[in-house]
């Protein structure tokens, strides 16, 4: 089930993101913090949680910037990987962007996350810029 996140979800979201990025963090020493500011995100942005039963197993943070919807964070607990949760969260992002009359989705990812970059490219995203270890991507709607 996908639903808007609530303030009481902050700890579970932080835990989910910590688990989602654990392998990458072990391999990439310069991976930025992925859990900072979650309480502010829930209060100020569009944040959606994926639940299975009573467990929060995925999250997406969306930030509206004019006619662009930025995916600021996306994570799925690896113990629930391979079930299409990430894909459903990305579909939700596209739906939200269309509701907001946005022309495209954007995101930034780490250059070292090659599997993540490949997944986005496979899903129709385009890399538009790389600055150091930060790769910016877009998907027109």
C-alpha atoms as a PDB file:
ATOM      1  CA  UNK A   1       0.000   0.000   0.000  1.00  0.00           C
ATOM      2  CA  UNK A   2       1.245   3.492  -0.859  1.00  0.00           C
ATOM      3  CA  UNK A   3       0.154   6.391   1.301  1.00  0.00           C
ATOM      4  CA  UNK A   4       1.245   9.896   2.281  1.00  0.00           C
ATOM      5  CA  UNK A   5       3.812   9.828   5.070  1.00  0.00           C
ATOM      6  CA  UNK A   6       2.901  11.202   8.487  1.00  0.00           C
ATOM      7  CA  UNK A   7       5.119  12.812  11.156  1.00  0.00           C
ATOM      8  CA  UNK A   8       4.948   9.622  13.196  1.00  0.00           C
ATOM      9  CA  UNK A   9       6.608   7.776  10.267  1.00  0.00           C
ATOM     10  CA  UNK A  10       9.895   9.713  10.509  1.00  0.00           C
ATOM     11  CA  UNK A  11      11.818   7.096  12.518  1.00  0.00           C
ATOM     12  CA  UNK A  12      10.610   4.261  10.272  1.00  0.00           C
ATOM     13  CA  UNK A  13      11.508   6.273   7.151  1.00  0.00           C
ATOM     14  CA  UNK A  14      14.996   6.932   8.509  1.00  0.00           C
ATOM     15  CA  UNK A  15      15.398   3.233   9.280  1.00  0.00           C
ATOM     16  CA  UNK A  16      14.192   2.242   5.809  1.00  0.00           C
ATOM     17  CA  UNK A  17      16.583   4.655   4.094  1.00  0.00           C
ATOM     18  CA  UNK A  18      19.491   3.541   6.267  1.00  0.00           C
ATOM     19  CA  UNK A  19      18.856  -0.069   5.233  1.00  0.00           C
ATOM     20  CA  UNK A  20      18.293   0.873   1.584  1.00  0.00           C
ATOM     21  CA  UNK A  21      21.633   2.659   1.301  1.00  0.00           C
ATOM     22  CA  UNK A  22      23.714   0.420   3.608  1.00  0.00           C
ATOM     23  CA  UNK A  23      25.530  -1.461   0.839  1.00  0.00           C
ATOM     24  CA  UNK A  24      26.228   1.721  -1.131  1.00  0.00           C
ATOM     25  CA  UNK A  25      27.470   3.483   2.008  1.00  0.00           C
ATOM     26  CA  UNK A  26      29.914   0.630   2.641  1.00  0.00           C
ATOM     27  CA  UNK A  27      31.278   0.969  -0.915  1.00  0.00           C
ATOM     28  CA  UNK A  28      31.156   4.765  -1.387  1.00  0.00           C
ATOM     29  CA  UNK A  29      32.785   6.768   1.384  1.00  0.00           C
ATOM     30  CA  UNK A  30      31.503  10.067  -0.024  1.00  0.00           C
ATOM     31  CA  UNK A  31      27.831   9.113  -0.253  1.00  0.00           C
ATOM     32  CA  UNK A  32      25.878  12.017   1.271  1.00  0.00           C
ATOM     33  CA  UNK A  33      23.586  11.620   4.260  1.00  0.00           C
ATOM     34  CA  UNK A  34      20.255  10.186   3.127  1.00  0.00           C
ATOM     35  CA  UNK A  35      18.339  10.481   6.396  1.00  0.00           C
ATOM     36  CA  UNK A  36      18.953  14.082   7.422  1.00  0.00           C
ATOM     37  CA  UNK A  37      15.971  16.376   7.289  1.00  0.00           C
ATOM     38  CA  UNK A  38      13.319  13.674   6.974  1.00  0.00           C
ATOM     39  CA  UNK A  39      11.063  15.350   9.540  1.00  0.00           C
ATOM     40  CA  UNK A  40      11.224  18.589   7.530  1.00  0.00           C
ATOM     41  CA  UNK A  41      10.590  16.687   4.310  1.00  0.00           C
ATOM     42  CA  UNK A  42       7.459  15.092   5.752  1.00  0.00           C
ATOM     43  CA  UNK A  43       6.234  18.495   6.928  1.00  0.00           C
ATOM     44  CA  UNK A  44       7.126  20.503   3.821  1.00  0.00           C
ATOM     45  CA  UNK A  45       7.196  18.204   0.779  1.00  0.00           C
ATOM     46  CA  UNK A  46       5.357  15.293  -0.795  1.00  0.00           C
ATOM     47  CA  UNK A  47       6.532  12.149   0.969  1.00  0.00           C
ATOM     48  CA  UNK A  48       4.947   8.764   0.361  1.00  0.00           C
ATOM     49  CA  UNK A  49       5.468   5.549   2.256  1.00  0.00           C
ATOM     50  CA  UNK A  50       5.129   2.005   0.966  1.00  0.00           C
ATOM     51  CA  UNK A  51       3.790  -0.429   3.532  1.00  0.00           C
ATOM     52  CA  UNK A  52       3.488  -4.182   3.695  1.00  0.00           C
ATOM     53  CA  UNK A  53       1.340  -5.124   6.622  1.00  0.00           C
ATOM     54  CA  UNK A  54       2.484  -2.840   9.417  1.00  0.00           C
ATOM     55  CA  UNK A  55       6.042  -2.427   8.092  1.00  0.00           C
ATOM     56  CA  UNK A  56       7.210   0.662   6.231  1.00  0.00           C
ATOM     57  CA  UNK A  57       9.297  -0.841   3.418  1.00  0.00           C
ATOM     58  CA  UNK A  58       9.823   2.022   0.984  1.00  0.00           C
ATOM     59  CA  UNK A  59       9.725   5.781   0.717  1.00  0.00           C
ATOM     60  CA  UNK A  60       9.902   8.526  -1.881  1.00  0.00           C
ATOM     61  CA  UNK A  61      10.455  12.232  -1.227  1.00  0.00           C
ATOM     62  CA  UNK A  62       9.197  14.623  -3.907  1.00  0.00           C
ATOM     63  CA  UNK A  63       9.940  18.344  -4.045  1.00  0.00           C
ATOM     64  CA  UNK A  64       7.983  20.633  -6.341  1.00  0.00           C
ATOM     65  CA  UNK A  65      10.167  23.197  -8.110  1.00  0.00           C
ATOM     66  CA  UNK A  66       7.992  25.132 -10.507  1.00  0.00           C
ATOM     67  CA  UNK A  67       7.217  22.882 -13.435  1.00  0.00           C
ATOM     68  CA  UNK A  68       9.701  20.218 -12.290  1.00  0.00           C
ATOM     69  CA  UNK A  69       9.111  17.558  -9.660  1.00  0.00           C
ATOM     70  CA  UNK A  70      12.370  16.519  -8.024  1.00  0.00           C
ATOM     71  CA  UNK A  71      12.800  13.054  -6.576  1.00  0.00           C
ATOM     72  CA  UNK A  72      14.878  14.066  -3.575  1.00  0.00           C
ATOM     73  CA  UNK A  73      15.087  10.578  -2.087  1.00  0.00           C
ATOM     74  CA  UNK A  74      13.922   7.078  -2.893  1.00  0.00           C
ATOM     75  CA  UNK A  75      14.635   3.932  -0.963  1.00  0.00           C
ATOM     76  CA  UNK A  76      13.300   0.426  -0.518  1.00  0.00           C
ATOM     77  CA  UNK A  77      14.325  -1.787   2.365  1.00  0.00           C
ATOM     78  CA  UNK A  78      16.507  -4.474   0.749  1.00  0.00           C
ATOM     79  CA  UNK A  79      14.656  -7.222   2.589  1.00  0.00           C
ATOM     80  CA  UNK A  80      11.662  -6.263   0.411  1.00  0.00           C
ATOM     81  CA  UNK A  81      13.586  -5.712  -2.828  1.00  0.00           C
ATOM     82  CA  UNK A  82      12.552  -7.296  -6.097  1.00  0.00           C
ATOM     83  CA  UNK A  83       8.843  -6.900  -5.386  1.00  0.00           C
ATOM     84  CA  UNK A  84       8.251  -3.859  -7.584  1.00  0.00           C
ATOM     85  CA  UNK A  85       7.982  -1.399  -4.692  1.00  0.00           C
ATOM     86  CA  UNK A  86      10.501   1.005  -6.215  1.00  0.00           C
ATOM     87  CA  UNK A  87       8.689   0.884  -9.539  1.00  0.00           C
ATOM     88  CA  UNK A  88       5.365   1.652  -7.882  1.00  0.00           C
ATOM     89  CA  UNK A  89       6.937   4.597  -6.053  1.00  0.00           C
ATOM     90  CA  UNK A  90       8.336   5.919  -9.336  1.00  0.00           C
ATOM     91  CA  UNK A  91       4.929   5.500 -10.999  1.00  0.00           C
ATOM     92  CA  UNK A  92       3.414   7.462  -8.116  1.00  0.00           C
ATOM     93  CA  UNK A  93       5.990  10.222  -8.703  1.00  0.00           C
ATOM     94  CA  UNK A  94       4.923  10.459 -12.348  1.00  0.00           C
ATOM     95  CA  UNK A  95       1.258  10.588 -11.330  1.00  0.00           C
ATOM     96  CA  UNK A  96       1.955  13.350  -8.797  1.00  0.00           C
ATOM     97  CA  UNK A  97       3.976  15.320 -11.361  1.00  0.00           C
ATOM     98  CA  UNK A  98       1.099  15.185 -13.820  1.00  0.00           C
ATOM     99  CA  UNK A  99      -1.373  16.311 -11.124  1.00  0.00           C
ATOM    100  CA  UNK A 100       0.897  19.297 -10.480  1.00  0.00           C
ATOM    101  CA  UNK A 101       1.229  20.056 -14.214  1.00  0.00           C
ATOM    102  CA  UNK A 102       4.966  19.456 -14.089  1.00  0.00           C
ATOM    103  CA  UNK A 103       6.778  19.007 -17.400  1.00  0.00           C
ATOM    104  CA  UNK A 104       9.395  16.590 -16.082  1.00  0.00           C
ATOM    105  CA  UNK A 105      10.842  14.639 -13.205  1.00  0.00           C
ATOM    106  CA  UNK A 106      14.425  15.202 -12.100  1.00  0.00           C
ATOM    107  CA  UNK A 107      16.769  13.537  -9.654  1.00  0.00           C
ATOM    108  CA  UNK A 108      20.380  13.469  -8.597  1.00  0.00           C
ATOM    109  CA  UNK A 109      22.319  10.330  -7.830  1.00  0.00           C
ATOM    110  CA  UNK A 110      25.880   9.381  -7.019  1.00  0.00           C
ATOM    111  CA  UNK A 111      28.087   8.590 -10.011  1.00  0.00           C
ATOM    112  CA  UNK A 112      29.280   5.428  -8.263  1.00  0.00           C
ATOM    113  CA  UNK A 113      25.780   3.973  -8.066  1.00  0.00           C
ATOM    114  CA  UNK A 114      26.096   2.381 -11.492  1.00  0.00           C
ATOM    115  CA  UNK A 115      23.241  -0.098 -11.029  1.00  0.00           C
ATOM    116  CA  UNK A 116      20.931   2.729  -9.968  1.00  0.00           C
ATOM    117  CA  UNK A 117      21.961   4.836 -12.945  1.00  0.00           C
ATOM    118  CA  UNK A 118      21.407   1.889 -15.309  1.00  0.00           C
ATOM    119  CA  UNK A 119      17.954   1.263 -13.854  1.00  0.00           C
ATOM    120  CA  UNK A 120      16.910   4.876 -14.424  1.00  0.00           C
ATOM    121  CA  UNK A 121      18.299   4.857 -17.975  1.00  0.00           C
ATOM    122  CA  UNK A 122      16.334   1.666 -18.662  1.00  0.00           C
ATOM    123  CA  UNK A 123      13.192   3.427 -17.389  1.00  0.00           C
ATOM    124  CA  UNK A 124      13.556   6.289 -19.856  1.00  0.00           C
ATOM    125  CA  UNK A 125      15.589   8.756 -17.823  1.00  0.00           C
ATOM    126  CA  UNK A 126      18.422  10.760 -19.381  1.00  0.00           C
ATOM    127  CA  UNK A 127      21.635  11.863 -17.718  1.00  0.00           C
ATOM    128  CA  UNK A 128      21.845  15.616 -18.228  1.00  0.00           C
ATOM    129  CA  UNK A 129      24.871  16.640 -16.192  1.00  0.00           C
ATOM    130  CA  UNK A 130      27.681  15.280 -14.062  1.00  0.00           C
ATOM    131  CA  UNK A 131      29.572  17.401 -11.589  1.00  0.00           C
ATOM    132  CA  UNK A 132      32.077  15.451  -9.540  1.00  0.00           C
ATOM    133  CA  UNK A 133      30.230  12.460  -8.119  1.00  0.00           C
ATOM    134  CA  UNK A 134      26.767  13.947  -8.682  1.00  0.00           C
ATOM    135  CA  UNK A 135      24.816  12.857 -11.759  1.00  0.00           C
ATOM    136  CA  UNK A 136      21.667  14.801 -12.623  1.00  0.00           C
ATOM    137  CA  UNK A 137      18.940  13.003 -14.542  1.00  0.00           C
ATOM    138  CA  UNK A 138      15.598  13.944 -16.041  1.00  0.00           C
ATOM    139  CA  UNK A 139      12.527  12.258 -17.420  1.00  0.00           C
ATOM    140  CA  UNK A 140      10.130  14.322 -19.536  1.00  0.00           C
ATOM    141  CA  UNK A 141       6.436  13.702 -19.022  1.00  0.00           C
END
